[in-house]
N, C-alpha and C. Protein backbone atom coordinates (compact mmCIF):
# COMPACT_ATOMS: atom_id res chain seq x y z
N MET A 1 -57.81 -22.87 1.58
CA MET A 1 -56.87 -23.45 2.50
C MET A 1 -55.74 -24.18 1.79
N ALA A 2 -55.95 -24.67 0.61
CA ALA A 2 -54.90 -25.39 -0.11
C ALA A 2 -53.65 -24.53 -0.31
N PRO A 3 -53.79 -23.23 -0.66
CA PRO A 3 -52.58 -22.43 -0.83
C PRO A 3 -51.76 -22.32 0.45
N ILE A 4 -52.41 -22.30 1.62
CA ILE A 4 -51.68 -22.21 2.88
C ILE A 4 -50.86 -23.48 3.09
N ARG A 5 -51.45 -24.63 2.85
CA ARG A 5 -50.72 -25.89 3.00
C ARG A 5 -49.56 -25.95 2.02
N GLN A 6 -49.79 -25.51 0.79
CA GLN A 6 -48.73 -25.52 -0.21
C GLN A 6 -47.60 -24.59 0.22
N SER A 7 -47.95 -23.44 0.73
CA SER A 7 -46.94 -22.50 1.21
C SER A 7 -46.13 -23.10 2.35
N ALA A 8 -46.80 -23.78 3.26
CA ALA A 8 -46.10 -24.41 4.38
C ALA A 8 -45.17 -25.50 3.88
N ALA A 9 -45.60 -26.25 2.88
CA ALA A 9 -44.75 -27.31 2.32
C ALA A 9 -43.51 -26.70 1.66
N VAL A 10 -43.69 -25.62 0.94
CA VAL A 10 -42.56 -24.95 0.31
C VAL A 10 -41.61 -24.43 1.37
N HIS A 11 -42.15 -23.87 2.44
CA HIS A 11 -41.33 -23.37 3.55
C HIS A 11 -40.52 -24.50 4.18
N ASP A 12 -41.17 -25.66 4.39
CA ASP A 12 -40.47 -26.81 4.96
C ASP A 12 -39.35 -27.28 4.05
N ASP A 13 -39.61 -27.32 2.74
CA ASP A 13 -38.58 -27.73 1.78
C ASP A 13 -37.41 -26.76 1.79
N THR A 14 -37.69 -25.48 1.88
CA THR A 14 -36.64 -24.47 1.91
C THR A 14 -35.80 -24.61 3.17
N GLN A 15 -36.45 -24.80 4.31
CA GLN A 15 -35.72 -24.99 5.57
C GLN A 15 -34.85 -26.24 5.51
N SER A 16 -35.38 -27.32 4.93
CA SER A 16 -34.62 -28.56 4.82
C SER A 16 -33.40 -28.36 3.92
N ALA A 17 -33.57 -27.66 2.81
CA ALA A 17 -32.46 -27.40 1.90
C ALA A 17 -31.40 -26.55 2.57
N ARG A 18 -31.80 -25.55 3.32
CA ARG A 18 -30.83 -24.71 4.03
C ARG A 18 -30.06 -25.52 5.06
N HIS A 19 -30.76 -26.42 5.75
CA HIS A 19 -30.10 -27.25 6.76
C HIS A 19 -29.06 -28.16 6.10
N ASN A 20 -29.41 -28.75 4.97
CA ASN A 20 -28.49 -29.65 4.27
C ASN A 20 -27.29 -28.89 3.71
N LEU A 21 -27.49 -27.66 3.30
CA LEU A 21 -26.42 -26.86 2.72
C LEU A 21 -25.45 -26.39 3.79
N GLY A 22 -25.91 -26.16 4.97
CA GLY A 22 -25.08 -25.59 6.02
C GLY A 22 -25.40 -24.11 6.13
N ARG A 23 -25.01 -23.53 7.21
CA ARG A 23 -25.31 -22.11 7.43
C ARG A 23 -24.40 -21.25 6.57
N LEU A 24 -25.00 -20.41 5.74
CA LEU A 24 -24.25 -19.48 4.90
C LEU A 24 -24.22 -18.11 5.55
N VAL A 25 -23.09 -17.44 5.46
CA VAL A 25 -22.96 -16.09 6.01
C VAL A 25 -22.44 -15.17 4.93
N THR A 26 -22.69 -13.88 5.11
CA THR A 26 -22.22 -12.88 4.16
C THR A 26 -20.72 -12.66 4.31
N GLU A 27 -20.16 -11.92 3.38
CA GLU A 27 -18.75 -11.58 3.44
C GLU A 27 -18.42 -10.82 4.73
N ALA A 28 -19.27 -9.88 5.09
CA ALA A 28 -19.04 -9.10 6.31
C ALA A 28 -19.09 -9.98 7.55
N GLU A 29 -20.04 -10.92 7.59
CA GLU A 29 -20.13 -11.83 8.73
C GLU A 29 -18.92 -12.76 8.79
N ALA A 30 -18.49 -13.26 7.63
CA ALA A 30 -17.32 -14.14 7.58
C ALA A 30 -16.08 -13.38 8.05
N ALA A 31 -15.92 -12.15 7.58
CA ALA A 31 -14.77 -11.34 7.99
C ALA A 31 -14.77 -11.14 9.50
N ALA A 32 -15.92 -10.85 10.07
CA ALA A 32 -16.02 -10.66 11.52
C ALA A 32 -15.67 -11.94 12.26
N MET A 33 -16.12 -13.08 11.75
CA MET A 33 -15.83 -14.36 12.40
C MET A 33 -14.33 -14.66 12.39
N LEU A 34 -13.63 -14.21 11.35
CA LEU A 34 -12.19 -14.46 11.23
C LEU A 34 -11.35 -13.30 11.76
N CYS A 35 -12.01 -12.27 12.29
CA CYS A 35 -11.32 -11.07 12.79
C CYS A 35 -10.49 -10.42 11.69
N LEU A 36 -11.07 -10.34 10.51
CA LEU A 36 -10.44 -9.72 9.34
C LEU A 36 -11.37 -8.66 8.78
N SER A 37 -10.86 -7.88 7.85
CA SER A 37 -11.73 -6.92 7.17
C SER A 37 -12.31 -7.58 5.92
N PRO A 38 -13.48 -7.14 5.48
CA PRO A 38 -14.03 -7.65 4.23
C PRO A 38 -13.08 -7.42 3.05
N THR A 39 -12.31 -6.34 3.10
CA THR A 39 -11.34 -6.07 2.04
C THR A 39 -10.29 -7.18 1.95
N THR A 40 -9.86 -7.69 3.09
CA THR A 40 -8.90 -8.80 3.09
C THR A 40 -9.49 -10.02 2.40
N LEU A 41 -10.73 -10.35 2.70
CA LEU A 41 -11.37 -11.49 2.04
C LEU A 41 -11.47 -11.27 0.54
N LYS A 42 -11.79 -10.05 0.12
CA LYS A 42 -11.85 -9.74 -1.32
C LYS A 42 -10.49 -9.95 -1.98
N LYS A 43 -9.44 -9.47 -1.33
CA LYS A 43 -8.09 -9.66 -1.87
C LYS A 43 -7.74 -11.13 -1.95
N TRP A 44 -8.08 -11.88 -0.91
CA TRP A 44 -7.79 -13.31 -0.91
C TRP A 44 -8.53 -14.02 -2.04
N ARG A 45 -9.77 -13.63 -2.31
CA ARG A 45 -10.51 -14.27 -3.41
C ARG A 45 -9.83 -13.98 -4.75
N ARG A 46 -9.38 -12.75 -4.93
CA ARG A 46 -8.70 -12.39 -6.19
C ARG A 46 -7.40 -13.17 -6.37
N THR A 47 -6.71 -13.47 -5.29
CA THR A 47 -5.43 -14.18 -5.36
C THR A 47 -5.56 -15.67 -5.06
N ARG A 48 -6.81 -16.15 -5.00
CA ARG A 48 -7.11 -17.56 -4.76
C ARG A 48 -6.52 -18.07 -3.46
N ARG A 49 -6.68 -17.28 -2.43
CA ARG A 49 -6.26 -17.65 -1.08
C ARG A 49 -7.48 -17.67 -0.18
N GLY A 50 -7.27 -18.06 1.06
CA GLY A 50 -8.34 -17.96 2.05
C GLY A 50 -9.33 -19.11 1.99
N PRO A 51 -10.42 -18.95 2.73
CA PRO A 51 -11.42 -20.01 2.83
C PRO A 51 -12.23 -20.17 1.54
N VAL A 52 -12.82 -21.34 1.40
CA VAL A 52 -13.72 -21.62 0.28
C VAL A 52 -14.90 -20.67 0.35
N TYR A 53 -15.35 -20.20 -0.80
CA TYR A 53 -16.52 -19.32 -0.83
C TYR A 53 -17.44 -19.72 -1.97
N TYR A 54 -18.65 -19.19 -1.95
CA TYR A 54 -19.67 -19.49 -2.94
C TYR A 54 -20.16 -18.19 -3.55
N ARG A 55 -20.23 -18.15 -4.86
CA ARG A 55 -20.75 -16.98 -5.55
C ARG A 55 -22.14 -17.33 -6.06
N LEU A 56 -23.12 -16.62 -5.57
CA LEU A 56 -24.52 -16.82 -5.95
C LEU A 56 -24.96 -15.56 -6.69
N GLY A 57 -24.82 -15.58 -8.01
CA GLY A 57 -25.04 -14.37 -8.78
C GLY A 57 -23.92 -13.41 -8.44
N SER A 58 -24.26 -12.25 -7.95
CA SER A 58 -23.22 -11.29 -7.55
C SER A 58 -22.91 -11.36 -6.05
N ALA A 59 -23.67 -12.18 -5.33
CA ALA A 59 -23.47 -12.31 -3.89
C ALA A 59 -22.40 -13.34 -3.58
N VAL A 60 -21.58 -13.05 -2.58
CA VAL A 60 -20.56 -13.98 -2.09
C VAL A 60 -20.99 -14.46 -0.72
N ARG A 61 -20.95 -15.77 -0.54
CA ARG A 61 -21.33 -16.36 0.74
C ARG A 61 -20.27 -17.37 1.17
N TYR A 62 -20.20 -17.58 2.48
CA TYR A 62 -19.28 -18.53 3.07
C TYR A 62 -20.07 -19.47 3.96
N LYS A 63 -19.70 -20.76 3.97
CA LYS A 63 -20.30 -21.70 4.90
C LYS A 63 -19.54 -21.60 6.22
N VAL A 64 -20.27 -21.59 7.32
CA VAL A 64 -19.65 -21.54 8.64
C VAL A 64 -18.71 -22.74 8.81
N ASP A 65 -19.12 -23.92 8.36
CA ASP A 65 -18.26 -25.11 8.48
C ASP A 65 -16.94 -24.92 7.73
N ASP A 66 -16.99 -24.28 6.56
CA ASP A 66 -15.76 -24.03 5.79
C ASP A 66 -14.85 -23.04 6.51
N LEU A 67 -15.43 -22.04 7.15
CA LEU A 67 -14.63 -21.08 7.89
C LEU A 67 -13.94 -21.76 9.08
N GLU A 68 -14.68 -22.62 9.76
CA GLU A 68 -14.11 -23.36 10.89
C GLU A 68 -12.99 -24.28 10.42
N SER A 69 -13.18 -24.95 9.28
CA SER A 69 -12.14 -25.83 8.73
C SER A 69 -10.91 -25.02 8.33
N TYR A 70 -11.13 -23.85 7.75
CA TYR A 70 -10.02 -22.99 7.36
C TYR A 70 -9.19 -22.60 8.60
N LEU A 71 -9.88 -22.26 9.67
CA LEU A 71 -9.17 -21.92 10.91
C LEU A 71 -8.38 -23.11 11.44
N GLU A 72 -8.99 -24.28 11.45
CA GLU A 72 -8.30 -25.48 11.93
C GLU A 72 -7.06 -25.78 11.09
N ASP A 73 -7.17 -25.60 9.78
CA ASP A 73 -6.04 -25.86 8.89
C ASP A 73 -4.94 -24.80 9.02
N SER A 74 -5.26 -23.68 9.64
CA SER A 74 -4.31 -22.58 9.75
C SER A 74 -3.57 -22.57 11.09
N ILE A 75 -3.80 -23.56 11.92
CA ILE A 75 -3.16 -23.60 13.24
C ILE A 75 -1.65 -23.77 13.07
N GLU A 76 -0.91 -22.95 13.79
CA GLU A 76 0.55 -23.08 13.82
C GLU A 76 0.99 -23.01 15.27
N ASN A 77 2.01 -23.77 15.60
CA ASN A 77 2.56 -23.79 16.94
C ASN A 77 3.97 -23.21 16.89
N PRO A 78 4.15 -21.94 17.28
CA PRO A 78 5.46 -21.31 17.17
C PRO A 78 6.52 -21.91 18.08
N ARG A 79 6.12 -22.59 19.13
CA ARG A 79 7.09 -23.19 20.03
C ARG A 79 7.72 -24.45 19.46
N ASN A 80 7.00 -25.09 18.55
CA ASN A 80 7.51 -26.30 17.92
C ASN A 80 7.03 -26.32 16.47
N PRO A 81 7.72 -25.62 15.57
CA PRO A 81 7.25 -25.48 14.19
C PRO A 81 7.12 -26.79 13.44
N ARG A 82 7.74 -27.86 13.91
CA ARG A 82 7.63 -29.14 13.21
C ARG A 82 6.36 -29.88 13.55
N HIS A 83 5.62 -29.40 14.54
CA HIS A 83 4.39 -30.03 14.97
C HIS A 83 3.24 -29.05 14.89
N ASP A 84 2.07 -29.58 14.58
CA ASP A 84 0.90 -28.72 14.63
C ASP A 84 0.41 -28.63 16.07
N ALA A 85 -0.65 -27.93 16.28
CA ALA A 85 -1.15 -27.70 17.64
C ALA A 85 -1.58 -28.98 18.36
N THR A 86 -1.87 -30.04 17.60
CA THR A 86 -2.29 -31.28 18.22
C THR A 86 -1.12 -32.20 18.52
N GLY A 87 0.10 -31.78 18.15
CA GLY A 87 1.28 -32.57 18.43
C GLY A 87 1.65 -33.51 17.29
N ASN A 88 0.93 -33.47 16.18
CA ASN A 88 1.24 -34.33 15.04
C ASN A 88 2.33 -33.73 14.18
N GLN A 89 3.09 -34.60 13.52
CA GLN A 89 4.13 -34.12 12.62
C GLN A 89 3.58 -33.93 11.24
């Protein structure tokens, strides 16, 4: 029974670490969330544009919170270019 308890403890630690890190999504999931193609995200990474990303070995991941922040920072109001969408200068 000890191995089962140890396994459960490891599972709990992993879940806690994932929660603290934030939800990570793949390149394809991030592209879908931004209504872009994965190729666009690849180009942006090469040219140091776009949202923050994480490279884990050969895997690229994005935090959902970072994608949301990137969208918020990208708001433009064409009717009043001197103001952002919230009315701030």
